[in-house]
N, C-alpha and C. Protein backbone atom coordinates (compact mmCIF):
# COMPACT_ATOMS: atom_id res chain seq x y z
N MET A 1 0.83 -1.18 0.00
CA MET A 1 0.00 0.00 0.00
C MET A 1 0.88 1.25 0.00
N PRO A 2 0.51 2.23 -0.82
CA PRO A 2 1.29 3.47 -0.80
C PRO A 2 1.09 4.25 0.51
N VAL A 3 2.12 4.99 0.86
CA VAL A 3 2.09 5.84 2.05
C VAL A 3 2.04 7.29 1.60
N ILE A 4 1.17 8.06 2.23
CA ILE A 4 1.11 9.50 1.99
C ILE A 4 1.77 10.16 3.19
N THR A 5 2.81 10.93 2.93
CA THR A 5 3.43 11.72 3.98
C THR A 5 2.84 13.12 3.88
N ILE A 6 2.27 13.58 4.97
CA ILE A 6 1.66 14.91 5.02
C ILE A 6 2.61 15.81 5.81
N LEU A 7 3.10 16.85 5.17
CA LEU A 7 3.96 17.79 5.85
C LEU A 7 3.14 18.57 6.88
N PRO A 8 3.77 19.06 7.94
CA PRO A 8 3.01 19.76 8.98
C PRO A 8 2.18 20.93 8.44
N HIS A 9 0.97 21.02 8.93
CA HIS A 9 0.05 22.11 8.62
C HIS A 9 -0.49 22.63 9.95
N HIS A 10 -0.44 23.92 10.16
CA HIS A 10 -0.77 24.51 11.46
C HIS A 10 -2.14 24.11 12.01
N GLU A 11 -3.10 23.86 11.14
CA GLU A 11 -4.46 23.57 11.60
C GLU A 11 -4.84 22.10 11.47
N TYR A 12 -4.62 21.51 10.32
CA TYR A 12 -5.11 20.16 10.04
C TYR A 12 -4.21 19.05 10.56
N CYS A 13 -2.91 19.32 10.62
CA CYS A 13 -1.97 18.25 10.92
C CYS A 13 -0.68 18.88 11.47
N PRO A 14 -0.71 19.47 12.67
CA PRO A 14 0.42 20.25 13.17
C PRO A 14 1.75 19.49 13.24
N GLN A 15 1.71 18.21 13.49
CA GLN A 15 2.94 17.43 13.60
C GLN A 15 3.32 16.73 12.30
N GLY A 16 2.48 16.88 11.27
CA GLY A 16 2.68 16.08 10.07
C GLY A 16 2.17 14.67 10.35
N ALA A 17 2.14 13.85 9.32
CA ALA A 17 1.64 12.49 9.50
C ALA A 17 2.04 11.62 8.32
N LYS A 18 1.91 10.32 8.53
CA LYS A 18 2.07 9.34 7.46
C LYS A 18 0.86 8.43 7.54
N VAL A 19 0.18 8.24 6.40
CA VAL A 19 -0.98 7.37 6.36
C VAL A 19 -0.87 6.42 5.18
N GLU A 20 -1.39 5.24 5.35
CA GLU A 20 -1.44 4.27 4.26
C GLU A 20 -2.81 4.32 3.62
N ALA A 21 -2.84 4.10 2.32
CA ALA A 21 -4.11 4.09 1.60
C ALA A 21 -4.01 3.11 0.44
N GLY A 22 -5.12 2.58 0.06
CA GLY A 22 -5.15 1.62 -1.03
C GLY A 22 -4.96 2.27 -2.39
N ARG A 23 -4.37 1.52 -3.28
CA ARG A 23 -4.24 1.96 -4.67
C ARG A 23 -5.62 2.27 -5.20
N GLY A 24 -5.76 3.39 -5.94
CA GLY A 24 -7.05 3.78 -6.48
C GLY A 24 -7.85 4.71 -5.58
N THR A 25 -7.31 5.00 -4.40
CA THR A 25 -7.95 5.91 -3.45
C THR A 25 -7.49 7.32 -3.75
N SER A 26 -8.38 8.30 -3.60
CA SER A 26 -7.94 9.68 -3.78
C SER A 26 -7.20 10.12 -2.52
N VAL A 27 -6.32 11.08 -2.68
CA VAL A 27 -5.59 11.62 -1.54
C VAL A 27 -6.57 12.20 -0.53
N CYS A 28 -7.60 12.89 -0.99
CA CYS A 28 -8.60 13.47 -0.09
C CYS A 28 -9.29 12.39 0.74
N GLU A 29 -9.72 11.33 0.10
CA GLU A 29 -10.37 10.23 0.82
C GLU A 29 -9.46 9.65 1.89
N ALA A 30 -8.20 9.45 1.52
CA ALA A 30 -7.23 8.86 2.46
C ALA A 30 -7.03 9.76 3.67
N LEU A 31 -6.90 11.07 3.45
CA LEU A 31 -6.71 11.98 4.57
C LEU A 31 -7.93 11.96 5.49
N LEU A 32 -9.11 12.05 4.92
CA LEU A 32 -10.33 12.05 5.73
C LEU A 32 -10.49 10.75 6.50
N GLU A 33 -10.17 9.62 5.87
CA GLU A 33 -10.29 8.32 6.55
C GLU A 33 -9.34 8.20 7.74
N HIS A 34 -8.26 8.98 7.72
CA HIS A 34 -7.29 8.93 8.81
C HIS A 34 -7.40 10.14 9.75
N GLY A 35 -8.54 10.81 9.72
CA GLY A 35 -8.80 11.88 10.68
C GLY A 35 -8.13 13.20 10.40
N ILE A 36 -7.65 13.41 9.18
CA ILE A 36 -7.07 14.69 8.80
C ILE A 36 -8.15 15.46 8.04
N PRO A 37 -8.75 16.46 8.68
CA PRO A 37 -9.96 17.10 8.15
C PRO A 37 -9.71 18.15 7.06
N ILE A 38 -9.11 17.73 5.96
CA ILE A 38 -8.87 18.66 4.86
C ILE A 38 -10.20 19.19 4.34
N GLU A 39 -10.21 20.46 3.97
CA GLU A 39 -11.44 21.03 3.41
C GLU A 39 -11.79 20.31 2.11
N HIS A 40 -13.08 20.20 1.88
CA HIS A 40 -13.58 19.61 0.62
C HIS A 40 -15.03 20.07 0.45
N ALA A 41 -15.17 21.36 0.20
CA ALA A 41 -16.48 22.01 0.18
C ALA A 41 -17.45 21.41 -0.83
N CYS A 42 -16.97 20.88 -1.93
CA CYS A 42 -17.87 20.33 -2.96
C CYS A 42 -18.09 18.84 -2.78
N GLU A 43 -17.66 18.31 -1.63
CA GLU A 43 -17.83 16.88 -1.35
C GLU A 43 -17.14 16.00 -2.39
N MET A 44 -15.96 16.43 -2.82
CA MET A 44 -15.09 15.66 -3.72
C MET A 44 -15.67 15.47 -5.12
N SER A 45 -16.39 16.47 -5.62
CA SER A 45 -16.98 16.37 -6.95
C SER A 45 -16.25 17.19 -8.01
N CYS A 46 -15.05 17.66 -7.68
CA CYS A 46 -14.23 18.46 -8.61
C CYS A 46 -14.96 19.72 -9.04
N ALA A 47 -15.51 20.44 -8.05
CA ALA A 47 -16.25 21.66 -8.34
C ALA A 47 -15.72 22.87 -7.58
N CYS A 48 -14.64 22.69 -6.80
CA CYS A 48 -14.06 23.81 -6.06
C CYS A 48 -12.56 23.56 -5.94
N THR A 49 -11.87 24.35 -5.15
CA THR A 49 -10.43 24.15 -4.98
C THR A 49 -10.03 24.04 -3.51
N THR A 50 -10.99 23.80 -2.64
CA THR A 50 -10.67 23.80 -1.21
C THR A 50 -9.79 22.63 -0.78
N CYS A 51 -9.72 21.57 -1.55
CA CYS A 51 -8.89 20.42 -1.19
C CYS A 51 -7.53 20.44 -1.90
N HIS A 52 -7.16 21.60 -2.39
CA HIS A 52 -5.88 21.78 -3.10
C HIS A 52 -4.71 21.34 -2.23
N VAL A 53 -3.81 20.56 -2.81
CA VAL A 53 -2.56 20.17 -2.16
C VAL A 53 -1.41 20.39 -3.13
N ILE A 54 -0.21 20.48 -2.60
CA ILE A 54 0.99 20.56 -3.41
C ILE A 54 1.74 19.25 -3.21
N VAL A 55 2.00 18.56 -4.30
CA VAL A 55 2.68 17.27 -4.23
C VAL A 55 4.18 17.53 -4.27
N ARG A 56 4.85 17.22 -3.18
CA ARG A 56 6.29 17.48 -3.07
C ARG A 56 7.13 16.31 -3.56
N GLN A 57 6.60 15.10 -3.49
CA GLN A 57 7.27 13.91 -4.04
C GLN A 57 6.20 12.95 -4.54
N GLY A 58 6.48 12.31 -5.65
CA GLY A 58 5.57 11.31 -6.19
C GLY A 58 4.51 11.86 -7.13
N TYR A 59 4.67 13.08 -7.59
CA TYR A 59 3.68 13.72 -8.47
C TYR A 59 3.37 12.85 -9.69
N GLY A 60 4.40 12.33 -10.33
CA GLY A 60 4.21 11.55 -11.55
C GLY A 60 3.49 10.23 -11.35
N SER A 61 3.40 9.77 -10.10
CA SER A 61 2.74 8.49 -9.85
C SER A 61 1.23 8.62 -9.72
N LEU A 62 0.75 9.85 -9.57
CA LEU A 62 -0.70 10.06 -9.43
C LEU A 62 -1.36 10.02 -10.80
N GLY A 63 -2.62 9.66 -10.83
CA GLY A 63 -3.36 9.68 -12.08
C GLY A 63 -3.28 11.07 -12.70
N GLU A 64 -3.31 11.14 -13.99
CA GLU A 64 -3.18 12.42 -14.69
C GLU A 64 -4.39 13.32 -14.44
N ALA A 65 -4.12 14.62 -14.29
CA ALA A 65 -5.19 15.60 -14.10
C ALA A 65 -5.96 15.78 -15.41
N ASP A 66 -7.28 15.87 -15.32
CA ASP A 66 -8.06 16.12 -16.53
C ASP A 66 -8.27 17.62 -16.71
N GLU A 67 -8.91 18.00 -17.78
CA GLU A 67 -9.09 19.41 -18.12
C GLU A 67 -9.89 20.17 -17.06
N SER A 68 -10.93 19.55 -16.50
CA SER A 68 -11.74 20.25 -15.50
C SER A 68 -10.92 20.54 -14.23
N GLU A 69 -10.08 19.60 -13.83
CA GLU A 69 -9.21 19.85 -12.68
C GLU A 69 -8.22 20.97 -12.99
N ASP A 70 -7.61 20.92 -14.15
CA ASP A 70 -6.66 21.98 -14.53
C ASP A 70 -7.32 23.35 -14.53
N ASP A 71 -8.54 23.42 -15.04
CA ASP A 71 -9.26 24.70 -15.07
C ASP A 71 -9.52 25.22 -13.66
N LEU A 72 -9.92 24.34 -12.75
CA LEU A 72 -10.17 24.75 -11.38
C LEU A 72 -8.89 25.16 -10.67
N LEU A 73 -7.83 24.43 -10.91
CA LEU A 73 -6.57 24.74 -10.24
C LEU A 73 -6.10 26.16 -10.52
N ASP A 74 -6.46 26.68 -11.68
CA ASP A 74 -6.08 28.05 -12.00
C ASP A 74 -6.61 29.05 -10.97
N ARG A 75 -7.65 28.66 -10.22
CA ARG A 75 -8.23 29.54 -9.21
C ARG A 75 -7.77 29.23 -7.79
N ALA A 76 -6.92 28.22 -7.64
CA ALA A 76 -6.48 27.82 -6.31
C ALA A 76 -5.50 28.84 -5.73
N TRP A 77 -5.62 29.06 -4.42
CA TRP A 77 -4.72 29.96 -3.74
C TRP A 77 -3.38 29.25 -3.56
N GLY A 78 -2.27 29.93 -3.91
CA GLY A 78 -0.94 29.35 -3.72
C GLY A 78 -0.58 28.28 -4.73
N LEU A 79 -1.10 28.38 -5.92
CA LEU A 79 -0.87 27.38 -6.97
C LEU A 79 0.62 27.22 -7.27
N GLU A 80 1.05 25.98 -7.43
CA GLU A 80 2.42 25.65 -7.82
C GLU A 80 2.36 24.63 -8.95
N PRO A 81 3.48 24.43 -9.66
CA PRO A 81 3.46 23.48 -10.78
C PRO A 81 3.04 22.06 -10.40
N THR A 82 3.25 21.67 -9.15
CA THR A 82 2.86 20.32 -8.73
C THR A 82 1.58 20.32 -7.88
N SER A 83 0.74 21.33 -8.07
CA SER A 83 -0.54 21.39 -7.36
C SER A 83 -1.53 20.39 -7.95
N ARG A 84 -2.35 19.84 -7.08
CA ARG A 84 -3.45 18.95 -7.49
C ARG A 84 -4.63 19.19 -6.57
N LEU A 85 -5.81 18.85 -7.05
CA LEU A 85 -6.97 18.77 -6.17
C LEU A 85 -6.90 17.38 -5.55
N SER A 86 -6.88 17.32 -4.24
CA SER A 86 -6.68 16.01 -3.60
C SER A 86 -7.83 15.05 -3.87
N CYS A 87 -9.00 15.58 -4.20
CA CYS A 87 -10.13 14.69 -4.52
C CYS A 87 -9.97 14.03 -5.88
N GLN A 88 -9.08 14.55 -6.71
CA GLN A 88 -8.86 14.02 -8.05
C GLN A 88 -7.51 13.32 -8.19
N ALA A 89 -6.64 13.46 -7.20
CA ALA A 89 -5.30 12.85 -7.22
C ALA A 89 -5.42 11.41 -6.73
N ILE A 90 -5.37 10.47 -7.66
CA ILE A 90 -5.59 9.06 -7.35
C ILE A 90 -4.24 8.35 -7.17
N LEU A 91 -4.13 7.64 -6.06
CA LEU A 91 -2.89 6.95 -5.72
C LEU A 91 -2.65 5.73 -6.60
N SER A 92 -1.38 5.51 -6.91
CA SER A 92 -0.98 4.27 -7.57
C SER A 92 -0.22 3.44 -6.53
N ASP A 93 0.88 2.82 -6.92
CA ASP A 93 1.64 1.99 -5.98
C ASP A 93 2.76 2.74 -5.28
N GLN A 94 3.02 3.98 -5.68
CA GLN A 94 4.15 4.72 -5.12
C GLN A 94 3.73 5.63 -3.98
N ASP A 95 4.67 5.85 -3.07
CA ASP A 95 4.44 6.78 -1.96
C ASP A 95 4.44 8.21 -2.49
N VAL A 96 3.73 9.09 -1.80
CA VAL A 96 3.71 10.51 -2.16
C VAL A 96 3.89 11.35 -0.89
N THR A 97 4.41 12.54 -1.09
CA THR A 97 4.53 13.53 -0.01
C THR A 97 3.75 14.74 -0.45
N ILE A 98 2.87 15.21 0.44
CA ILE A 98 2.05 16.38 0.09
C ILE A 98 2.17 17.47 1.14
N GLU A 99 1.88 18.66 0.68
CA GLU A 99 1.79 19.81 1.57
C GLU A 99 0.39 20.40 1.38
N ILE A 100 -0.31 20.62 2.47
CA ILE A 100 -1.60 21.30 2.40
C ILE A 100 -1.29 22.79 2.53
N PRO A 101 -1.66 23.59 1.54
CA PRO A 101 -1.36 25.02 1.63
C PRO A 101 -1.93 25.64 2.90
N ARG A 102 -1.28 26.67 3.36
CA ARG A 102 -1.71 27.33 4.60
C ARG A 102 -3.14 27.85 4.50
N TYR A 103 -3.52 28.34 3.34
CA TYR A 103 -4.86 28.89 3.14
C TYR A 103 -5.52 28.24 1.93
N SER A 104 -6.84 28.21 1.96
CA SER A 104 -7.61 27.78 0.79
C SER A 104 -8.29 29.02 0.21
N ILE A 105 -8.98 28.84 -0.87
CA ILE A 105 -9.71 29.96 -1.47
C ILE A 105 -10.75 30.49 -0.49
N ASN A 106 -11.31 29.64 0.38
CA ASN A 106 -12.27 30.10 1.38
C ASN A 106 -11.63 31.07 2.36
N HIS A 107 -10.42 30.78 2.79
CA HIS A 107 -9.72 31.69 3.71
C HIS A 107 -9.36 32.99 3.01
N ALA A 108 -8.98 32.90 1.76
CA ALA A 108 -8.57 34.09 1.02
C ALA A 108 -9.73 35.08 0.86
N LYS A 109 -10.96 34.57 0.82
CA LYS A 109 -12.12 35.45 0.68
C LYS A 109 -12.51 36.12 1.98
N GLU A 110 -12.12 35.54 3.11
CA GLU A 110 -12.53 36.07 4.41
C GLU A 110 -11.84 37.32 4.75
């Protein structure tokens, strides 16, 4: 099973974490199943950017982003070349390391 390493995030995961998830699971699903309450305002339907993550290692092992994800990512706060929507980033057999950005688009509007 692949391991997701989550870098420390001040609110969701202050100490960082490592979680195992099955192949074919989205990063968002895996985090939620392990008690890491990442935002997902659209309930993982690829309709917002609140579950945006930055993949620090293992980016190429995730399923390819489709056009709708790419279009949404353009609106994500703190976008980087290895950004993904965690609800659309599907795990393969390789481990990944992710960073949850400090703010989401919801925080940026407040």
